[in-house]
Amino acid sequence: MRLEEFESRIRALEGWRAEKAGEERRVSTISAGAGGVVGGAVVAVIVKVLGGG
């Protein structure tokens, strides 16, 4: 295998890895946002039930 081919494959792998890391961050951010919304709703219900709202 030539050096150019090897470097091309390495660049492709690095690009794939960076893309995968971006997807994981995006999924993590979406999950955290959804968790915050659900958590806020639960707190609101508890406060309402206890007569604080």
PDB file of N, CA and C in Angstrom:
ATOM      1  N   MET A   1       0.857  -1.175   0.000  1.00  0.00           N
ATOM      2  CA  MET A   1       0.000   0.000   0.000  1.00  0.00           C
ATOM      3  C   MET A   1       0.904   1.240   0.000  1.00  0.00           C
ATOM      4  N   ARG A   2       0.496   2.213  -0.762  1.00  0.00           N
ATOM      5  CA  ARG A   2       1.274   3.440  -0.827  1.00  0.00           C
ATOM      6  C   ARG A   2       0.939   4.350   0.340  1.00  0.00           C
ATOM      7  N   LEU A   3       1.845   5.252   0.611  1.00  0.00           N
ATOM      8  CA  LEU A   3       1.680   6.181   1.718  1.00  0.00           C
ATOM      9  C   LEU A   3       0.444   7.062   1.519  1.00  0.00           C
ATOM     10  N   GLU A   4       0.188   7.495   0.279  1.00  0.00           N
ATOM     11  CA  GLU A   4      -0.974   8.337   0.003  1.00  0.00           C
ATOM     12  C   GLU A   4      -2.276   7.608   0.320  1.00  0.00           C
ATOM     13  N   GLU A   5      -2.341   6.334  -0.030  1.00  0.00           N
ATOM     14  CA  GLU A   5      -3.543   5.545   0.257  1.00  0.00           C
ATOM     15  C   GLU A   5      -3.751   5.416   1.763  1.00  0.00           C
ATOM     16  N   PHE A   6      -2.661   5.169   2.471  1.00  0.00           N
ATOM     17  CA  PHE A   6      -2.727   5.023   3.920  1.00  0.00           C
ATOM     18  C   PHE A   6      -3.212   6.323   4.564  1.00  0.00           C
ATOM     19  N   GLU A   7      -2.644   7.450   4.143  1.00  0.00           N
ATOM     20  CA  GLU A   7      -3.050   8.735   4.695  1.00  0.00           C
ATOM     21  C   GLU A   7      -4.522   9.031   4.388  1.00  0.00           C
ATOM     22  N   SER A   8      -4.972   8.669   3.211  1.00  0.00           N
ATOM     23  CA  SER A   8      -6.363   8.878   2.826  1.00  0.00           C
ATOM     24  C   SER A   8      -7.292   8.067   3.725  1.00  0.00           C
ATOM     25  N   ARG A   9      -6.910   6.846   4.002  1.00  0.00           N
ATOM     26  CA  ARG A   9      -7.735   5.996   4.884  1.00  0.00           C
ATOM     27  C   ARG A   9      -7.763   6.545   6.305  1.00  0.00           C
ATOM     28  N   ILE A  10      -6.634   7.036   6.773  1.00  0.00           N
ATOM     29  CA  ILE A  10      -6.572   7.620   8.120  1.00  0.00           C
ATOM     30  C   ILE A  10      -7.469   8.851   8.205  1.00  0.00           C
ATOM     31  N   ARG A  11      -7.412   9.721   7.188  1.00  0.00           N
ATOM     32  CA  ARG A  11      -8.266  10.917   7.169  1.00  0.00           C
ATOM     33  C   ARG A  11      -9.743  10.533   7.157  1.00  0.00           C
ATOM     34  N   ALA A  12     -10.080   9.501   6.402  1.00  0.00           N
ATOM     35  CA  ALA A  12     -11.472   9.047   6.350  1.00  0.00           C
ATOM     36  C   ALA A  12     -11.926   8.548   7.723  1.00  0.00           C
ATOM     37  N   LEU A  13     -11.074   7.797   8.385  1.00  0.00           N
ATOM     38  CA  LEU A  13     -11.411   7.304   9.729  1.00  0.00           C
ATOM     39  C   LEU A  13     -11.559   8.447  10.723  1.00  0.00           C
ATOM     40  N   GLU A  14     -10.663   9.430  10.646  1.00  0.00           N
ATOM     41  CA  GLU A  14     -10.747  10.569  11.558  1.00  0.00           C
ATOM     42  C   GLU A  14     -12.035  11.354  11.321  1.00  0.00           C
ATOM     43  N   GLY A  15     -12.417  11.510  10.066  1.00  0.00           N
ATOM     44  CA  GLY A  15     -13.663  12.202   9.747  1.00  0.00           C
ATOM     45  C   GLY A  15     -14.863  11.452  10.277  1.00  0.00           C
ATOM     46  N   TRP A  16     -14.855  10.130  10.121  1.00  0.00           N
ATOM     47  CA  TRP A  16     -15.955   9.303  10.618  1.00  0.00           C
ATOM     48  C   TRP A  16     -16.051   9.412  12.139  1.00  0.00           C
ATOM     49  N   ARG A  17     -14.899   9.369  12.788  1.00  0.00           N
ATOM     50  CA  ARG A  17     -14.873   9.434  14.252  1.00  0.00           C
ATOM     51  C   ARG A  17     -15.398  10.786  14.738  1.00  0.00           C
ATOM     52  N   ALA A  18     -15.006  11.875  14.080  1.00  0.00           N
ATOM     53  CA  ALA A  18     -15.479  13.205  14.468  1.00  0.00           C
ATOM     54  C   ALA A  18     -16.982  13.316  14.243  1.00  0.00           C
ATOM     55  N   GLU A  19     -17.471  12.755  13.143  1.00  0.00           N
ATOM     56  CA  GLU A  19     -18.909  12.775  12.855  1.00  0.00           C
ATOM     57  C   GLU A  19     -19.672  11.990  13.911  1.00  0.00           C
ATOM     58  N   LYS A  20     -19.140  10.841  14.291  1.00  0.00           N
ATOM     59  CA  LYS A  20     -19.784   9.995  15.304  1.00  0.00           C
ATOM     60  C   LYS A  20     -19.822  10.720  16.649  1.00  0.00           C
ATOM     61  N   ALA A  21     -18.744  11.389  17.012  1.00  0.00           N
ATOM     62  CA  ALA A  21     -18.697  12.129  18.278  1.00  0.00           C
ATOM     63  C   ALA A  21     -19.731  13.251  18.272  1.00  0.00           C
ATOM     64  N   GLY A  22     -19.914  13.911  17.134  1.00  0.00           N
ATOM     65  CA  GLY A  22     -20.914  14.963  17.020  1.00  0.00           C
ATOM     66  C   GLY A  22     -22.317  14.426  17.210  1.00  0.00           C
ATOM     67  N   GLU A  23     -22.591  13.253  16.655  1.00  0.00           N
ATOM     68  CA  GLU A  23     -23.910  12.631  16.806  1.00  0.00           C
ATOM     69  C   GLU A  23     -24.165  12.287  18.268  1.00  0.00           C
ATOM     70  N   GLU A  24     -23.149  11.763  18.942  1.00  0.00           N
ATOM     71  CA  GLU A  24     -23.313  11.380  20.343  1.00  0.00           C
ATOM     72  C   GLU A  24     -23.586  12.599  21.214  1.00  0.00           C
ATOM     73  N   ARG A  25     -22.894  13.709  20.928  1.00  0.00           N
ATOM     74  CA  ARG A  25     -23.136  14.938  21.683  1.00  0.00           C
ATOM     75  C   ARG A  25     -24.563  15.441  21.451  1.00  0.00           C
ATOM     76  N   ARG A  26     -25.015  15.368  20.201  1.00  0.00           N
ATOM     77  CA  ARG A  26     -26.355  15.843  19.866  1.00  0.00           C
ATOM     78  C   ARG A  26     -27.405  15.012  20.601  1.00  0.00           C
ATOM     79  N   VAL A  27     -27.253  13.702  20.611  1.00  0.00           N
ATOM     80  CA  VAL A  27     -28.201  12.817  21.297  1.00  0.00           C
ATOM     81  C   VAL A  27     -28.174  13.094  22.797  1.00  0.00           C
ATOM     82  N   SER A  28     -27.006  13.308  23.345  1.00  0.00           N
ATOM     83  CA  SER A  28     -26.876  13.591  24.771  1.00  0.00           C
ATOM     84  C   SER A  28     -27.569  14.904  25.123  1.00  0.00           C
ATOM     85  N   THR A  29     -27.410  15.910  24.291  1.00  0.00           N
ATOM     86  CA  THR A  29     -28.045  17.209  24.535  1.00  0.00           C
ATOM     87  C   THR A  29     -29.558  17.093  24.467  1.00  0.00           C
ATOM     88  N   ILE A  30     -30.061  16.359  23.488  1.00  0.00           N
ATOM     89  CA  ILE A  30     -31.511  16.165  23.355  1.00  0.00           C
ATOM     90  C   ILE A  30     -32.050  15.423  24.577  1.00  0.00           C
ATOM     91  N   SER A  31     -31.353  14.401  25.012  1.00  0.00           N
ATOM     92  CA  SER A  31     -31.786  13.631  26.185  1.00  0.00           C
ATOM     93  C   SER A  31     -31.805  14.500  27.432  1.00  0.00           C
ATOM     94  N   ALA A  32     -30.788  15.325  27.604  1.00  0.00           N
ATOM     95  CA  ALA A  32     -30.729  16.195  28.779  1.00  0.00           C
ATOM     96  C   ALA A  32     -31.881  17.197  28.741  1.00  0.00           C
ATOM     97  N   GLY A  33     -32.183  17.738  27.578  1.00  0.00           N
ATOM     98  CA  GLY A  33     -33.294  18.683  27.448  1.00  0.00           C
ATOM     99  C   GLY A  33     -34.621  18.033  27.769  1.00  0.00           C
ATOM    100  N   ALA A  34     -34.825  16.834  27.258  1.00  0.00           N
ATOM    101  CA  ALA A  34     -36.079  16.114  27.524  1.00  0.00           C
ATOM    102  C   ALA A  34     -36.187  15.783  29.001  1.00  0.00           C
ATOM    103  N   GLY A  35     -35.094  15.399  29.625  1.00  0.00           N
ATOM    104  CA  GLY A  35     -35.097  15.097  31.054  1.00  0.00           C
ATOM    105  C   GLY A  35     -35.453  16.310  31.882  1.00  0.00           C
ATOM    106  N   GLY A  36     -34.958  17.481  31.464  1.00  0.00           N
ATOM    107  CA  GLY A  36     -35.270  18.714  32.176  1.00  0.00           C
ATOM    108  C   GLY A  36     -36.740  19.063  32.087  1.00  0.00           C
ATOM    109  N   VAL A  37     -37.331  18.867  30.922  1.00  0.00           N
ATOM    110  CA  VAL A  37     -38.755  19.160  30.737  1.00  0.00           C
ATOM    111  C   VAL A  37     -39.592  18.224  31.592  1.00  0.00           C
ATOM    112  N   VAL A  38     -39.292  16.940  31.553  1.00  0.00           N
ATOM    113  CA  VAL A  38     -40.052  15.963  32.342  1.00  0.00           C
ATOM    114  C   VAL A  38     -39.867  16.232  33.832  1.00  0.00           C
ATOM    115  N   GLY A  39     -38.637  16.520  34.253  1.00  0.00           N
ATOM    116  CA  GLY A  39     -38.375  16.826  35.665  1.00  0.00           C
ATOM    117  C   GLY A  39     -39.146  18.038  36.131  1.00  0.00           C
ATOM    118  N   GLY A  40     -39.199  19.083  35.285  1.00  0.00           N
ATOM    119  CA  GLY A  40     -39.947  20.292  35.630  1.00  0.00           C
ATOM    120  C   GLY A  40     -41.435  20.015  35.779  1.00  0.00           C
ATOM    121  N   ALA A  41     -41.969  19.166  34.913  1.00  0.00           N
ATOM    122  CA  ALA A  41     -43.387  18.818  34.971  1.00  0.00           C
ATOM    123  C   ALA A  41     -43.692  18.046  36.254  1.00  0.00           C
ATOM    124  N   VAL A  42     -42.816  17.150  36.625  1.00  0.00           N
ATOM    125  CA  VAL A  42     -43.020  16.366  37.848  1.00  0.00           C
ATOM    126  C   VAL A  42     -43.016  17.288  39.064  1.00  0.00           C
ATOM    127  N   VAL A  43     -42.085  18.215  39.114  1.00  0.00           N
ATOM    128  CA  VAL A  43     -42.026  19.165  40.239  1.00  0.00           C
ATOM    129  C   VAL A  43     -43.299  20.002  40.285  1.00  0.00           C
ATOM    130  N   ALA A  44     -43.778  20.452  39.127  1.00  0.00           N
ATOM    131  CA  ALA A  44     -44.995  21.255  39.091  1.00  0.00           C
ATOM    132  C   ALA A  44     -46.194  20.479  39.638  1.00  0.00           C
ATOM    133  N   VAL A  45     -46.288  19.204  39.289  1.00  0.00           N
ATOM    134  CA  VAL A  45     -47.391  18.372  39.773  1.00  0.00           C
ATOM    135  C   VAL A  45     -47.288  18.189  41.290  1.00  0.00           C
ATOM    136  N   ILE A  46     -46.108  17.944  41.792  1.00  0.00           N
ATOM    137  CA  ILE A  46     -45.917  17.744  43.230  1.00  0.00           C
ATOM    138  C   ILE A  46     -46.294  19.024  43.992  1.00  0.00           C
ATOM    139  N   VAL A  47     -45.847  20.155  43.483  1.00  0.00           N
ATOM    140  CA  VAL A  47     -46.163  21.433  44.148  1.00  0.00           C
ATOM    141  C   VAL A  47     -47.669  21.657  44.141  1.00  0.00           C
ATOM    142  N   LYS A  48     -48.330  21.343  43.032  1.00  0.00           N
ATOM    143  CA  LYS A  48     -49.792  21.511  42.930  1.00  0.00           C
ATOM    144  C   LYS A  48     -50.513  20.598  43.926  1.00  0.00           C
ATOM    145  N   VAL A  49     -50.059  19.330  44.013  1.00  0.00           N
ATOM    146  CA  VAL A  49     -50.686  18.366  44.911  1.00  0.00           C
ATOM    147  C   VAL A  49     -50.504  18.791  46.369  1.00  0.00           C
ATOM    148  N   LEU A  50     -49.363  19.331  46.697  1.00  0.00           N
ATOM    149  CA  LEU A  50     -49.091  19.740  48.074  1.00  0.00           C
ATOM    150  C   LEU A  50     -49.714  21.083  48.410  1.00  0.00           C
ATOM    151  N   GLY A  51     -50.339  21.706  47.423  1.00  0.00           N
ATOM    152  CA  GLY A  51     -51.055  22.957  47.681  1.00  0.00           C
ATOM    153  C   GLY A  51     -50.193  24.200  47.602  1.00  0.00           C
ATOM    154  N   GLY A  52     -49.022  24.076  47.026  1.00  0.00           N
ATOM    155  CA  GLY A  52     -48.147  25.246  46.942  1.00  0.00           C
ATOM    156  C   GLY A  52     -48.378  26.085  45.716  1.00  0.00           C
ATOM    157  N   GLY A  53     -49.218  25.655  44.781  1.00  0.00           N
ATOM    158  CA  GLY A  53     -49.356  26.438  43.550  1.00  0.00           C
ATOM    159  C   GLY A  53     -50.743  26.665  43.252  1.00  0.00           C
TER     160      GLY A  53
END
